[in-house]
Amino acid sequence: MKKNKNRTYIIAEAGVNHNGDPLLAKKLIEEAKNAGADCVKFQTFKASQIVTQTSPKAKYQLEVTDREESQYEMLKKLELDFEAYQELIAYCKELDIDFLSTPYNLEDLDFLEQFGVSTYKIASGQLTELPFLRAVARKNKTMLVSTGMGTLADVFNAIEAIKNEGNEDIVVLQCTTNYPSKIEDANILAMQSIKDACGVRVGYSDHVTNNFACFASVALGAEVVEKHFTLDKNMEGPDHSCSLTPSEFKDLVEGIRNIELSLGSKVKKPSQIELDNSLGMKRGMVIIQPIEAGAVLTKAHIGFKRPLQGIPINMLDTVIGKKVSKSLALDESIDYNCIVW
């Protein structure tokens, strides 16, 4: 994971939206790059090793795919041959976009290790699988850990298991496991609780149909933002309907980059353009009632008007009661040479 300072790392979660087609996977890589993503993420698995052949689908999967097929049958169609990954990784390097994948078991992990990947993504469903987390941690790579369906205790135990293997290169992602998820379930503030409790970097993995939760996470300090990505929401498959199209993902990236620009620093000071504008926007002391040379200034003689020039307004009490050295006309600025000190 190539992280730039003060810049959110944006992951286009292609996941299984390639529908098992390597050519479609390549197109997803191209479009993710064009949309401005830093990384495109896939899922490395064999259906026979992560689900029983009679396992029912999750509730959200039933709503967007064939209700008659099992979860195994659905996932079997979404597999990529292991041989395809070498080509996809090479294509990511060619286009200068990071490759990332989620391994689901030790075989997947060892397979990805062959390609020298720098980062592993841990799916929310494996947050509580501490033996697997320890095995990934021992690879000494960056770990992005999603936390859907988990409590703070689950997150703490997972991070402790990883750190106890000597790996502290961890980013924990707040996540809600539903596709799509409701924005009121995003719970972005939990990122701060995770950061404080676990002493880790934090980010957000989003399944909301709009981008507001992503934007909020960036404003609150997310170092990584992940969102599902598809070429067409109407394609067959479990995740297309809750994914962003290329143009929508480009809007997400643009929004995040503008939010980053708006955050600035914790130092409160005027920008250069504010300094340039201050002459025309701030006020100075001027004469609102003409006065002859040698007369004494009173409150009745002095008003506050733009532009900012002459004696600062905060010195009003100092100049009241002083004589003027020359006659002053309406709207004339009161400067230091006007006063008999």
C-alpha atoms as a PDB file:
ATOM      1  CA  MET A   1       0.000   0.000   0.000  1.00  0.00           C
ATOM      2  CA  LYS A   2       1.608   3.235  -1.162  1.00  0.00           C
ATOM      3  CA  LYS A   3       0.337   5.840   1.294  1.00  0.00           C
ATOM      4  CA  ASN A   4       0.884   9.524   0.609  1.00  0.00           C
ATOM      5  CA  LYS A   5       1.025  11.822   3.623  1.00  0.00           C
ATOM      6  CA  ASN A   6      -2.183  13.847   4.136  1.00  0.00           C
ATOM      7  CA  ARG A   7      -3.910  11.954   1.328  1.00  0.00           C
ATOM      8  CA  THR A   8      -6.631   9.363   1.835  1.00  0.00           C
ATOM      9  CA  TYR A   9      -5.880   6.008   0.246  1.00  0.00           C
ATOM     10  CA  ILE A  10      -8.897   5.184  -1.944  1.00  0.00           C
ATOM     11  CA  ILE A  11      -9.697   1.546  -2.768  1.00  0.00           C
ATOM     12  CA  ALA A  12     -12.024   0.545  -5.590  1.00  0.00           C
ATOM     13  CA  GLU A  13     -13.496  -2.737  -4.344  1.00  0.00           C
ATOM     14  CA  ALA A  14     -13.978  -4.737  -7.520  1.00  0.00           C
ATOM     15  CA  GLY A  15     -14.511  -7.784  -5.327  1.00  0.00           C
ATOM     16  CA  VAL A  16     -16.459 -10.355  -7.341  1.00  0.00           C
ATOM     17  CA  ASN A  17     -17.948  -7.810  -9.742  1.00  0.00           C
ATOM     18  CA  HIS A  18     -15.901  -9.372 -12.547  1.00  0.00           C
ATOM     19  CA  ASN A  19     -18.425 -12.253 -12.502  1.00  0.00           C
ATOM     20  CA  GLY A  20     -15.609 -14.746 -12.934  1.00  0.00           C
ATOM     21  CA  ASP A  21     -14.407 -13.200 -16.212  1.00  0.00           C
ATOM     22  CA  PRO A  22     -10.715 -12.147 -16.316  1.00  0.00           C
ATOM     23  CA  LEU A  23     -11.405  -9.733 -19.185  1.00  0.00           C
ATOM     24  CA  LEU A  24     -14.070  -8.016 -17.120  1.00  0.00           C
ATOM     25  CA  ALA A  25     -11.628  -7.905 -14.214  1.00  0.00           C
ATOM     26  CA  LYS A  26      -9.121  -6.118 -16.442  1.00  0.00           C
ATOM     27  CA  LYS A  27     -11.753  -3.609 -17.473  1.00  0.00           C
ATOM     28  CA  LEU A  28     -12.489  -2.932 -13.817  1.00  0.00           C
ATOM     29  CA  ILE A  29      -8.796  -2.222 -13.271  1.00  0.00           C
ATOM     30  CA  GLU A  30      -8.777   0.232 -16.179  1.00  0.00           C
ATOM     31  CA  GLU A  31     -11.870   2.068 -15.001  1.00  0.00           C
ATOM     32  CA  ALA A  32     -10.664   2.204 -11.396  1.00  0.00           C
ATOM     33  CA  LYS A  33      -7.451   3.823 -12.586  1.00  0.00           C
ATOM     34  CA  ASN A  34      -9.370   6.290 -14.767  1.00  0.00           C
ATOM     35  CA  ALA A  35     -11.628   7.191 -11.841  1.00  0.00           C
ATOM     36  CA  GLY A  36      -8.623   8.130  -9.701  1.00  0.00           C
ATOM     37  CA  ALA A  37      -8.519   5.177  -7.292  1.00  0.00           C
ATOM     38  CA  ASP A  38      -5.197   4.383  -5.637  1.00  0.00           C
ATOM     39  CA  CYS A  39      -5.951   0.685  -5.536  1.00  0.00           C
ATOM     40  CA  VAL A  40      -8.268  -1.960  -6.995  1.00  0.00           C
ATOM     41  CA  LYS A  41      -9.206  -4.866  -4.743  1.00  0.00           C
ATOM     42  CA  PHE A  42     -10.340  -8.397  -5.563  1.00  0.00           C
ATOM     43  CA  GLN A  43     -11.251 -11.470  -3.516  1.00  0.00           C
ATOM     44  CA  THR A  44      -9.141 -14.610  -3.752  1.00  0.00           C
ATOM     45  CA  PHE A  45     -11.065 -17.775  -2.908  1.00  0.00           C
ATOM     46  CA  LYS A  46     -12.319 -21.158  -3.938  1.00  0.00           C
ATOM     47  CA  ALA A  47     -16.019 -21.608  -3.196  1.00  0.00           C
ATOM     48  CA  SER A  48     -15.479 -25.186  -2.011  1.00  0.00           C
ATOM     49  CA  GLN A  49     -13.147 -23.946   0.728  1.00  0.00           C
ATOM     50  CA  ILE A  50     -15.262 -21.161   2.213  1.00  0.00           C
ATOM     51  CA  VAL A  51     -18.841 -22.426   2.092  1.00  0.00           C
ATOM     52  CA  THR A  52     -20.667 -25.749   2.244  1.00  0.00           C
ATOM     53  CA  GLN A  53     -22.524 -26.822  -0.871  1.00  0.00           C
ATOM     54  CA  THR A  54     -25.880 -26.448   0.865  1.00  0.00           C
ATOM     55  CA  SER A  55     -25.198 -23.155   2.660  1.00  0.00           C
ATOM     56  CA  PRO A  56     -28.074 -20.661   2.276  1.00  0.00           C
ATOM     57  CA  LYS A  57     -27.414 -17.201   0.951  1.00  0.00           C
ATOM     58  CA  ALA A  58     -27.188 -14.141   3.150  1.00  0.00           C
ATOM     59  CA  LYS A  59     -30.334 -12.031   3.338  1.00  0.00           C
ATOM     60  CA  TYR A  60     -28.976  -9.341   0.995  1.00  0.00           C
ATOM     61  CA  GLN A  61     -27.832 -11.988  -1.515  1.00  0.00           C
ATOM     62  CA  LEU A  62     -31.332 -13.427  -1.696  1.00  0.00           C
ATOM     63  CA  GLU A  63     -32.662  -9.996  -2.632  1.00  0.00           C
ATOM     64  CA  VAL A  64     -30.374  -9.438  -5.624  1.00  0.00           C
ATOM     65  CA  THR A  65     -29.595 -12.928  -6.992  1.00  0.00           C
ATOM     66  CA  ASP A  66     -31.400 -16.161  -7.863  1.00  0.00           C
ATOM     67  CA  ARG A  67     -33.150 -17.315  -4.699  1.00  0.00           C
ATOM     68  CA  GLU A  68     -33.115 -20.924  -5.858  1.00  0.00           C
ATOM     69  CA  GLU A  69     -29.351 -21.345  -6.070  1.00  0.00           C
ATOM     70  CA  SER A  70     -27.200 -21.984  -3.005  1.00  0.00           C
ATOM     71  CA  GLN A  71     -24.471 -19.643  -1.826  1.00  0.00           C
ATOM     72  CA  TYR A  72     -21.952 -22.213  -3.028  1.00  0.00           C
ATOM     73  CA  GLU A  73     -23.420 -22.199  -6.547  1.00  0.00           C
ATOM     74  CA  MET A  74     -23.370 -18.419  -6.624  1.00  0.00           C
ATOM     75  CA  LEU A  75     -19.768 -18.160  -5.416  1.00  0.00           C
ATOM     76  CA  LYS A  76     -18.592 -20.918  -7.730  1.00  0.00           C
ATOM     77  CA  LYS A  77     -19.606 -18.745 -10.690  1.00  0.00           C
ATOM     78  CA  LEU A  78     -17.677 -15.810  -9.221  1.00  0.00           C
ATOM     79  CA  GLU A  79     -14.326 -17.560  -8.839  1.00  0.00           C
ATOM     80  CA  LEU A  80     -11.314 -16.403 -10.789  1.00  0.00           C
ATOM     81  CA  ASP A  81      -8.830 -19.091 -11.731  1.00  0.00           C
ATOM     82  CA  PHE A  82      -5.683 -18.674  -9.733  1.00  0.00           C
ATOM     83  CA  GLU A  83      -3.760 -18.421 -13.002  1.00  0.00           C
ATOM     84  CA  ALA A  84      -5.663 -15.234 -13.844  1.00  0.00           C
ATOM     85  CA  TYR A  85      -4.238 -13.364 -10.876  1.00  0.00           C
ATOM     86  CA  GLN A  86      -0.725 -13.202 -12.236  1.00  0.00           C
ATOM     87  CA  GLU A  87      -2.067 -11.429 -15.298  1.00  0.00           C
ATOM     88  CA  LEU A  88      -4.199  -9.057 -13.213  1.00  0.00           C
ATOM     89  CA  ILE A  89      -1.308  -8.156 -10.926  1.00  0.00           C
ATOM     90  CA  ALA A  90       0.902  -7.476 -13.936  1.00  0.00           C
ATOM     91  CA  TYR A  91      -1.827  -5.309 -15.464  1.00  0.00           C
ATOM     92  CA  CYS A  92      -2.121  -3.267 -12.271  1.00  0.00           C
ATOM     93  CA  LYS A  93       1.632  -2.647 -12.381  1.00  0.00           C
ATOM     94  CA  GLU A  94       1.378  -1.623 -16.024  1.00  0.00           C
ATOM     95  CA  LEU A  95      -1.345   0.923 -15.224  1.00  0.00           C
ATOM     96  CA  ASP A  96       0.349   2.061 -11.983  1.00  0.00           C
ATOM     97  CA  ILE A  97      -2.517   1.205  -9.661  1.00  0.00           C
ATOM     98  CA  ASP A  98      -2.065  -0.928  -6.554  1.00  0.00           C
ATOM     99  CA  PHE A  99      -3.387  -4.494  -6.541  1.00  0.00           C
ATOM    100  CA  LEU A 100      -5.039  -5.809  -3.400  1.00  0.00           C
ATOM    101  CA  SER A 101      -6.982  -8.955  -2.596  1.00  0.00           C
ATOM    102  CA  THR A 102      -8.777 -10.596   0.290  1.00  0.00           C
ATOM    103  CA  PRO A 103      -7.588 -14.137   1.057  1.00  0.00           C
ATOM    104  CA  TYR A 104     -10.096 -16.404   2.776  1.00  0.00           C
ATOM    105  CA  ASN A 105      -7.887 -19.276   3.862  1.00  0.00           C
ATOM    106  CA  LEU A 106      -4.254 -20.309   4.151  1.00  0.00           C
ATOM    107  CA  GLU A 107      -4.082 -21.632   0.592  1.00  0.00           C
ATOM    108  CA  ASP A 108      -5.235 -18.248  -0.727  1.00  0.00           C
ATOM    109  CA  LEU A 109      -2.696 -16.527   1.490  1.00  0.00           C
ATOM    110  CA  ASP A 110       0.206 -18.663   0.305  1.00  0.00           C
ATOM    111  CA  PHE A 111      -0.903 -18.236  -3.284  1.00  0.00           C
ATOM    112  CA  LEU A 112      -0.894 -14.423  -3.049  1.00  0.00           C
ATOM    113  CA  GLU A 113       2.488 -14.506  -1.319  1.00  0.00           C
ATOM    114  CA  GLN A 114       3.995 -15.849  -4.545  1.00  0.00           C
ATOM    115  CA  PHE A 115       3.355 -12.505  -6.205  1.00  0.00           C
ATOM    116  CA  GLY A 116       5.024 -10.379  -3.543  1.00  0.00           C
ATOM    117  CA  VAL A 117       1.873  -8.450  -2.616  1.00  0.00           C
ATOM    118  CA  SER A 118       2.455  -5.695  -0.056  1.00  0.00           C
ATOM    119  CA  THR A 119      -0.926  -5.655   1.656  1.00  0.00           C
ATOM    120  CA  TYR A 120      -3.711  -8.001   2.715  1.00  0.00           C
ATOM    121  CA  LYS A 121      -7.354  -7.138   3.280  1.00  0.00           C
ATOM    122  CA  ILE A 122      -9.200  -9.047   5.995  1.00  0.00           C
ATOM    123  CA  ALA A 123     -12.932  -9.387   5.418  1.00  0.00           C
ATOM    124  CA  SER A 124     -15.344  -8.555   8.227  1.00  0.00           C
ATOM    125  CA  GLY A 125     -16.449 -12.168   8.490  1.00  0.00           C
ATOM    126  CA  GLN A 126     -12.933 -13.160   9.535  1.00  0.00           C
ATOM    127  CA  LEU A 127     -12.472 -10.496  12.219  1.00  0.00           C
ATOM    128  CA  THR A 128     -12.975 -13.086  14.958  1.00  0.00           C
ATOM    129  CA  GLU A 129     -10.927 -15.853  13.258  1.00  0.00           C
ATOM    130  CA  LEU A 130      -7.828 -15.259  15.358  1.00  0.00           C
ATOM    131  CA  PRO A 131      -5.793 -18.239  14.050  1.00  0.00           C
ATOM    132  CA  PHE A 132      -6.196 -16.942  10.507  1.00  0.00           C
ATOM    133  CA  LEU A 133      -5.335 -13.379  11.558  1.00  0.00           C
ATOM    134  CA  ARG A 134      -2.165 -14.640  13.202  1.00  0.00           C
ATOM    135  CA  ALA A 135      -1.169 -16.502  10.039  1.00  0.00           C
ATOM    136  CA  VAL A 136      -1.643 -13.365   7.918  1.00  0.00           C
ATOM    137  CA  ALA A 137       0.198 -11.243  10.495  1.00  0.00           C
ATOM    138  CA  ARG A 138       3.234 -13.506  10.245  1.00  0.00           C
ATOM    139  CA  LYS A 139       3.641 -12.499   6.592  1.00  0.00           C
ATOM    140  CA  ASN A 140       4.672  -9.050   7.917  1.00  0.00           C
ATOM    141  CA  LYS A 141       2.621  -7.150   5.361  1.00  0.00           C
ATOM    142  CA  THR A 142       0.244  -4.233   5.824  1.00  0.00           C
ATOM    143  CA  MET A 143      -3.137  -5.497   7.028  1.00  0.00           C
ATOM    144  CA  LEU A 144      -6.423  -3.720   6.343  1.00  0.00           C
ATOM    145  CA  VAL A 145      -8.968  -5.169   8.753  1.00  0.00           C
ATOM    146  CA  SER A 146     -12.710  -4.651   8.241  1.00  0.00           C
ATOM    147  CA  THR A 147     -14.859  -4.762  11.359  1.00  0.00           C
ATOM    148  CA  GLY A 148     -18.444  -5.334  10.222  1.00  0.00           C
ATOM    149  CA  MET A 149     -20.575  -7.381  12.650  1.00  0.00           C
ATOM    150  CA  GLY A 150     -17.930  -6.824  15.327  1.00  0.00           C
ATOM    151  CA  THR A 151     -17.878  -5.216  18.752  1.00  0.00           C
ATOM    152  CA  LEU A 152     -15.045  -3.069  20.074  1.00  0.00           C
ATOM    153  CA  ALA A 153     -13.955  -6.104  22.101  1.00  0.00           C
ATOM    154  CA  ASP A 154     -13.797  -8.182  18.905  1.00  0.00           C
ATOM    155  CA  VAL A 155     -11.684  -5.505  17.249  1.00  0.00           C
ATOM    156  CA  PHE A 156      -9.374  -5.220  20.256  1.00  0.00           C
ATOM    157  CA  ASN A 157      -8.838  -8.994  20.407  1.00  0.00           C
ATOM    158  CA  ALA A 158      -8.129  -9.139  16.673  1.00  0.00           C
ATOM    159  CA  ILE A 159      -5.577  -6.337  16.816  1.00  0.00           C
ATOM    160  CA  GLU A 160      -3.885  -7.846  19.858  1.00  0.00           C
ATOM    161  CA  ALA A 161      -3.600 -11.183  18.032  1.00  0.00           C
ATOM    162  CA  ILE A 162      -1.963  -9.454  15.060  1.00  0.00           C
ATOM    163  CA  LYS A 163       0.383  -7.333  17.171  1.00  0.00           C
ATOM    164  CA  ASN A 164       1.447 -10.344  19.223  1.00  0.00           C
ATOM    165  CA  GLU A 165       2.860 -11.813  16.018  1.00  0.00           C
ATOM    166  CA  GLY A 166       5.102  -8.750  15.676  1.00  0.00           C
ATOM    167  CA  ASN A 167       3.020  -6.969  13.032  1.00  0.00           C
ATOM    168  CA  GLU A 168       1.856  -3.445  13.860  1.00  0.00           C
ATOM    169  CA  ASP A 169       1.305  -2.269  10.277  1.00  0.00           C
ATOM    170  CA  ILE A 170      -2.469  -2.261  10.616  1.00  0.00           C
ATOM    171  CA  VAL A 171      -5.347  -0.100   9.404  1.00  0.00           C
ATOM    172  CA  VAL A 172      -8.721  -0.907  10.947  1.00  0.00           C
ATOM    173  CA  LEU A 173     -11.781  -0.101   8.840  1.00  0.00           C
ATOM    174  CA  GLN A 174     -15.146   0.757  10.345  1.00  0.00           C
ATOM    175  CA  CYS A 175     -17.695  -1.181   8.304  1.00  0.00           C
ATOM    176  CA  THR A 176     -21.370  -2.159   8.281  1.00  0.00           C
ATOM    177  CA  THR A 177     -22.066  -5.603   6.854  1.00  0.00           C
ATOM    178  CA  ASN A 178     -25.113  -5.051   4.699  1.00  0.00           C
ATOM    179  CA  TYR A 179     -25.310  -4.495   0.935  1.00  0.00           C
ATOM    180  CA  PRO A 180     -26.407  -1.787   0.595  1.00  0.00           C
ATOM    181  CA  SER A 181     -26.314  -0.471   4.143  1.00  0.00           C
ATOM    182  CA  LYS A 182     -28.325   2.407   5.563  1.00  0.00           C
ATOM    183  CA  ILE A 183     -26.441   5.621   6.191  1.00  0.00           C
ATOM    184  CA  GLU A 184     -27.783   5.721   9.756  1.00  0.00           C
ATOM    185  CA  ASP A 185     -25.935   2.440  10.369  1.00  0.00           C
ATOM    186  CA  ALA A 186     -22.554   3.804   9.213  1.00  0.00           C
ATOM    187  CA  ASN A 187     -21.463   4.770  12.759  1.00  0.00           C
ATOM    188  CA  ILE A 188     -18.417   6.674  11.537  1.00  0.00           C
ATOM    189  CA  LEU A 189     -17.564   7.963  15.022  1.00  0.00           C
ATOM    190  CA  ALA A 190     -16.644   4.400  15.995  1.00  0.00           C
ATOM    191  CA  MET A 191     -13.406   4.971  14.061  1.00  0.00           C
ATOM    192  CA  GLN A 192     -12.193   7.226  16.872  1.00  0.00           C
ATOM    193  CA  SER A 193     -13.091   4.670  19.534  1.00  0.00           C
ATOM    194  CA  ILE A 194     -11.144   2.026  17.618  1.00  0.00           C
ATOM    195  CA  LYS A 195      -8.171   4.344  17.190  1.00  0.00           C
ATOM    196  CA  ASP A 196      -8.096   5.254  20.885  1.00  0.00           C
ATOM    197  CA  ALA A 197      -8.656   1.708  22.173  1.00  0.00           C
ATOM    198  CA  CYS A 198      -6.328  -0.135  19.810  1.00  0.00           C
ATOM    199  CA  GLY A 199      -3.654   2.414  18.927  1.00  0.00           C
ATOM    200  CA  VAL A 200      -4.027   1.862  15.184  1.00  0.00           C
ATOM    201  CA  ARG A 201      -4.629   3.836  12.022  1.00  0.00           C
ATOM    202  CA  VAL A 202      -8.253   3.836  10.952  1.00  0.00           C
ATOM    203  CA  GLY A 203     -10.381   4.051   7.836  1.00  0.00           C
ATOM    204  CA  TYR A 204     -13.797   3.208   6.473  1.00  0.00           C
ATOM    205  CA  SER A 205     -15.206   0.484   4.217  1.00  0.00           C
ATOM    206  CA  ASP A 206     -18.508   1.730   2.814  1.00  0.00           C
ATOM    207  CA  HIS A 207     -21.661   0.016   1.555  1.00  0.00           C
ATOM    208  CA  VAL A 208     -23.995   3.048   1.578  1.00  0.00           C
ATOM    209  CA  THR A 209     -25.502   3.942  -1.801  1.00  0.00           C
ATOM    210  CA  ASN A 210     -24.409   7.602  -1.589  1.00  0.00           C
ATOM    211  CA  ASN A 211     -21.022   9.044  -0.622  1.00  0.00           C
ATOM    212  CA  PHE A 212     -21.899  11.080   2.449  1.00  0.00           C
ATOM    213  CA  ALA A 213     -20.576   8.536   4.937  1.00  0.00           C
ATOM    214  CA  CYS A 214     -17.289   8.333   3.017  1.00  0.00           C
ATOM    215  CA  PHE A 215     -16.969  12.108   3.083  1.00  0.00           C
ATOM    216  CA  ALA A 216     -17.697  12.190   6.819  1.00  0.00           C
ATOM    217  CA  SER A 217     -15.057   9.538   7.453  1.00  0.00           C
ATOM    218  CA  VAL A 218     -12.399  11.566   5.640  1.00  0.00           C
ATOM    219  CA  ALA A 219     -13.295  14.675   7.621  1.00  0.00           C
ATOM    220  CA  LEU A 220     -12.957  12.618  10.813  1.00  0.00           C
ATOM    221  CA  GLY A 221      -9.540  11.228   9.922  1.00  0.00           C
ATOM    222  CA  ALA A 222      -9.979   8.107   7.785  1.00  0.00           C
ATOM    223  CA  GLU A 223      -6.649   7.216   6.199  1.00  0.00           C
ATOM    224  CA  VAL A 224      -8.249   4.594   3.932  1.00  0.00           C
ATOM    225  CA  VAL A 225     -11.640   4.598   2.208  1.00  0.00           C
ATOM    226  CA  GLU A 226     -12.954   1.538   0.369  1.00  0.00           C
ATOM    227  CA  LYS A 227     -16.078   1.327  -1.769  1.00  0.00           C
ATOM    228  CA  HIS A 228     -17.535  -1.286  -4.122  1.00  0.00           C
ATOM    229  CA  PHE A 229     -17.049  -0.628  -7.802  1.00  0.00           C
ATOM    230  CA  THR A 230     -18.816  -2.002 -10.891  1.00  0.00           C
ATOM    231  CA  LEU A 231     -19.106  -1.333 -14.590  1.00  0.00           C
ATOM    232  CA  ASP A 232     -22.886  -1.716 -14.529  1.00  0.00           C
ATOM    233  CA  LYS A 233     -25.232  -1.884 -11.530  1.00  0.00           C
ATOM    234  CA  ASN A 234     -27.677  -3.999 -13.504  1.00  0.00           C
ATOM    235  CA  MET A 235     -25.273  -6.883 -14.057  1.00  0.00           C
ATOM    236  CA  GLU A 236     -26.037 -10.234 -12.460  1.00  0.00           C
ATOM    237  CA  GLY A 237     -24.258 -10.763  -9.149  1.00  0.00           C
ATOM    238  CA  PRO A 238     -24.561 -10.051  -5.412  1.00  0.00           C
ATOM    239  CA  ASP A 239     -22.632  -6.768  -5.192  1.00  0.00           C
ATOM    240  CA  HIS A 240     -23.350  -4.823  -8.374  1.00  0.00           C
ATOM    241  CA  SER A 241     -26.446  -3.042  -7.093  1.00  0.00           C
ATOM    242  CA  CYS A 242     -24.629  -1.527  -4.093  1.00  0.00           C
ATOM    243  CA  SER A 243     -21.538  -0.514  -6.090  1.00  0.00           C
ATOM    244  CA  LEU A 244     -20.533   2.736  -7.733  1.00  0.00           C
ATOM    245  CA  THR A 245     -20.229   3.031 -11.499  1.00  0.00           C
ATOM    246  CA  PRO A 246     -17.013   4.543 -12.943  1.00  0.00           C
ATOM    247  CA  SER A 247     -18.519   8.040 -13.163  1.00  0.00           C
ATOM    248  CA  GLU A 248     -19.906   7.761  -9.626  1.00  0.00           C
ATOM    249  CA  PHE A 249     -16.562   6.544  -8.308  1.00  0.00           C
ATOM    250  CA  LYS A 250     -14.862   9.476  -9.982  1.00  0.00           C
ATOM    251  CA  ASP A 251     -17.260  11.769  -8.082  1.00  0.00           C
ATOM    252  CA  LEU A 252     -16.287   9.991  -4.860  1.00  0.00           C
ATOM    253  CA  VAL A 253     -12.579  10.538  -5.516  1.00  0.00           C
ATOM    254  CA  GLU A 254     -13.119  14.183  -6.453  1.00  0.00           C
ATOM    255  CA  GLY A 255     -15.170  14.757  -3.315  1.00  0.00           C
ATOM    256  CA  ILE A 256     -12.546  13.179  -1.058  1.00  0.00           C
ATOM    257  CA  ARG A 257      -9.725  15.169  -2.634  1.00  0.00           C
ATOM    258  CA  ASN A 258     -11.663  18.409  -2.162  1.00  0.00           C
ATOM    259  CA  ILE A 259     -12.429  17.535   1.455  1.00  0.00           C
ATOM    260  CA  GLU A 260      -8.715  16.956   2.023  1.00  0.00           C
ATOM    261  CA  LEU A 261      -7.975  20.389   0.580  1.00  0.00           C
ATOM    262  CA  SER A 262     -10.591  21.962   2.837  1.00  0.00           C
ATOM    263  CA  LEU A 263      -9.192  20.439   6.036  1.00  0.00           C
ATOM    264  CA  GLY A 264      -5.998  22.499   6.055  1.00  0.00           C
ATOM    265  CA  SER A 265      -4.153  22.437   9.376  1.00  0.00           C
ATOM    266  CA  LYS A 266      -4.942  22.962  13.053  1.00  0.00           C
ATOM    267  CA  VAL A 267      -3.247  26.365  12.957  1.00  0.00           C
ATOM    268  CA  LYS A 268      -5.774  29.201  12.888  1.00  0.00           C
ATOM    269  CA  LYS A 269      -4.353  31.956  10.713  1.00  0.00           C
ATOM    270  CA  PRO A 270      -5.493  33.971   7.702  1.00  0.00           C
ATOM    271  CA  SER A 271      -4.701  32.591   4.291  1.00  0.00           C
ATOM    272  CA  GLN A 272      -2.726  34.702   1.848  1.00  0.00           C
ATOM    273  CA  ILE A 273      -5.870  35.630  -0.056  1.00  0.00           C
ATOM    274  CA  GLU A 274      -7.482  36.769   3.211  1.00  0.00           C
ATOM    275  CA  LEU A 275      -4.479  38.975   3.885  1.00  0.00           C
ATOM    276  CA  ASP A 276      -4.867  40.395   0.402  1.00  0.00           C
ATOM    277  CA  ASN A 277      -8.576  41.005   0.993  1.00  0.00           C
ATOM    278  CA  SER A 278      -8.244  42.478   4.464  1.00  0.00           C
ATOM    279  CA  LEU A 279      -7.513  46.008   3.206  1.00  0.00           C
ATOM    280  CA  GLY A 280     -10.889  46.158   1.496  1.00  0.00           C
ATOM    281  CA  MET A 281     -12.871  44.222   4.137  1.00  0.00           C
ATOM    282  CA  LYS A 282     -11.599  45.549   7.488  1.00  0.00           C
ATOM    283  CA  ARG A 283     -12.347  49.033   8.743  1.00  0.00           C
ATOM    284  CA  GLY A 284     -10.290  51.945   9.991  1.00  0.00           C
ATOM    285  CA  MET A 285     -11.068  55.168  11.848  1.00  0.00           C
ATOM    286  CA  VAL A 286     -12.369  58.022   9.672  1.00  0.00           C
ATOM    287  CA  ILE A 287     -13.836  61.470  10.194  1.00  0.00           C
ATOM    288  CA  ILE A 288     -17.644  61.529  10.104  1.00  0.00           C
ATOM    289  CA  GLN A 289     -17.895  65.150  11.309  1.00  0.00           C
ATOM    290  CA  PRO A 290     -15.337  67.597   9.861  1.00  0.00           C
ATOM    291  CA  ILE A 291     -12.943  69.137  12.385  1.00  0.00           C
ATOM    292  CA  GLU A 292     -10.635  72.170  12.277  1.00  0.00           C
ATOM    293  CA  ALA A 293      -6.925  72.108  13.069  1.00  0.00           C
ATOM    294  CA  GLY A 294      -6.245  72.356  16.825  1.00  0.00           C
ATOM    295  CA  ALA A 295      -9.709  71.140  17.849  1.00  0.00           C
ATOM    296  CA  VAL A 296     -10.154  68.197  20.214  1.00  0.00           C
ATOM    297  CA  LEU A 297     -11.375  64.865  18.823  1.00  0.00           C
ATOM    298  CA  THR A 298     -14.540  63.458  20.371  1.00  0.00           C
ATOM    299  CA  LYS A 299     -16.592  60.348  19.687  1.00  0.00           C
ATOM    300  CA  ALA A 300     -18.858  62.471  17.519  1.00  0.00           C
ATOM    301  CA  HIS A 301     -16.006  63.091  15.077  1.00  0.00           C
ATOM    302  CA  ILE A 302     -15.014  59.441  14.581  1.00  0.00           C
ATOM    303  CA  GLY A 303     -16.612  56.567  12.677  1.00  0.00           C
ATOM    304  CA  PHE A 304     -15.482  53.175  11.408  1.00  0.00           C
ATOM    305  CA  LYS A 305     -15.405  52.594   7.663  1.00  0.00           C
ATOM    306  CA  ARG A 306     -13.593  50.559   5.066  1.00  0.00           C
ATOM    307  CA  PRO A 307     -10.811  50.404   3.921  1.00  0.00           C
ATOM    308  CA  LEU A 308      -8.393  49.451   6.686  1.00  0.00           C
ATOM    309  CA  GLN A 309      -5.845  52.248   6.982  1.00  0.00           C
ATOM    310  CA  GLY A 310      -4.578  54.773   9.478  1.00  0.00           C
ATOM    311  CA  ILE A 311      -4.710  54.268  13.230  1.00  0.00           C
ATOM    312  CA  PRO A 312      -6.239  50.898  14.279  1.00  0.00           C
ATOM    313  CA  ILE A 313      -9.763  51.036  15.664  1.00  0.00           C
ATOM    314  CA  ASN A 314      -8.577  49.411  18.890  1.00  0.00           C
ATOM    315  CA  MET A 315      -6.740  52.683  19.666  1.00  0.00           C
ATOM    316  CA  LEU A 316     -10.014  54.658  19.732  1.00  0.00           C
ATOM    317  CA  ASP A 317      -9.772  55.491  23.431  1.00  0.00           C
ATOM    318  CA  THR A 318      -6.219  56.725  22.912  1.00  0.00           C
ATOM    319  CA  VAL A 319      -7.083  59.311  20.239  1.00  0.00           C
ATOM    320  CA  ILE A 320     -10.277  60.631  21.825  1.00  0.00           C
ATOM    321  CA  GLY A 321      -9.422  63.842  23.659  1.00  0.00           C
ATOM    322  CA  LYS A 322      -6.351  64.512  21.531  1.00  0.00           C
ATOM    323  CA  LYS A 323      -6.015  67.608  19.356  1.00  0.00           C
ATOM    324  CA  VAL A 324      -5.732  67.275  15.602  1.00  0.00           C
ATOM    325  CA  SER A 325      -2.714  68.714  13.846  1.00  0.00           C
ATOM    326  CA  LYS A 326      -4.646  69.713  10.745  1.00  0.00           C
ATOM    327  CA  SER A 327      -8.176  70.133   9.486  1.00  0.00           C
ATOM    328  CA  LEU A 328      -9.847  66.854   8.569  1.00  0.00           C
ATOM    329  CA  ALA A 329     -12.708  66.459   6.076  1.00  0.00           C
ATOM    330  CA  LEU A 330     -15.531  63.916   5.874  1.00  0.00           C
ATOM    331  CA  ASP A 331     -14.307  60.297   5.368  1.00  0.00           C
ATOM    332  CA  GLU A 332     -10.669  61.297   5.776  1.00  0.00           C
ATOM    333  CA  SER A 333      -8.609  58.592   7.433  1.00  0.00           C
ATOM    334  CA  ILE A 334      -7.202  59.351  10.875  1.00  0.00           C
ATOM    335  CA  ASP A 335      -3.513  58.488  10.783  1.00  0.00           C
ATOM    336  CA  TYR A 336      -0.735  59.100  13.265  1.00  0.00           C
ATOM    337  CA  ASN A 337       0.306  62.386  11.619  1.00  0.00           C
ATOM    338  CA  CYS A 338      -3.177  63.799  12.215  1.00  0.00           C
ATOM    339  CA  ILE A 339      -2.842  63.699  15.996  1.00  0.00           C
ATOM    340  CA  VAL A 340      -0.940  65.942  18.381  1.00  0.00           C
ATOM    341  CA  TRP A 341       0.537  63.350  20.710  1.00  0.00           C
END
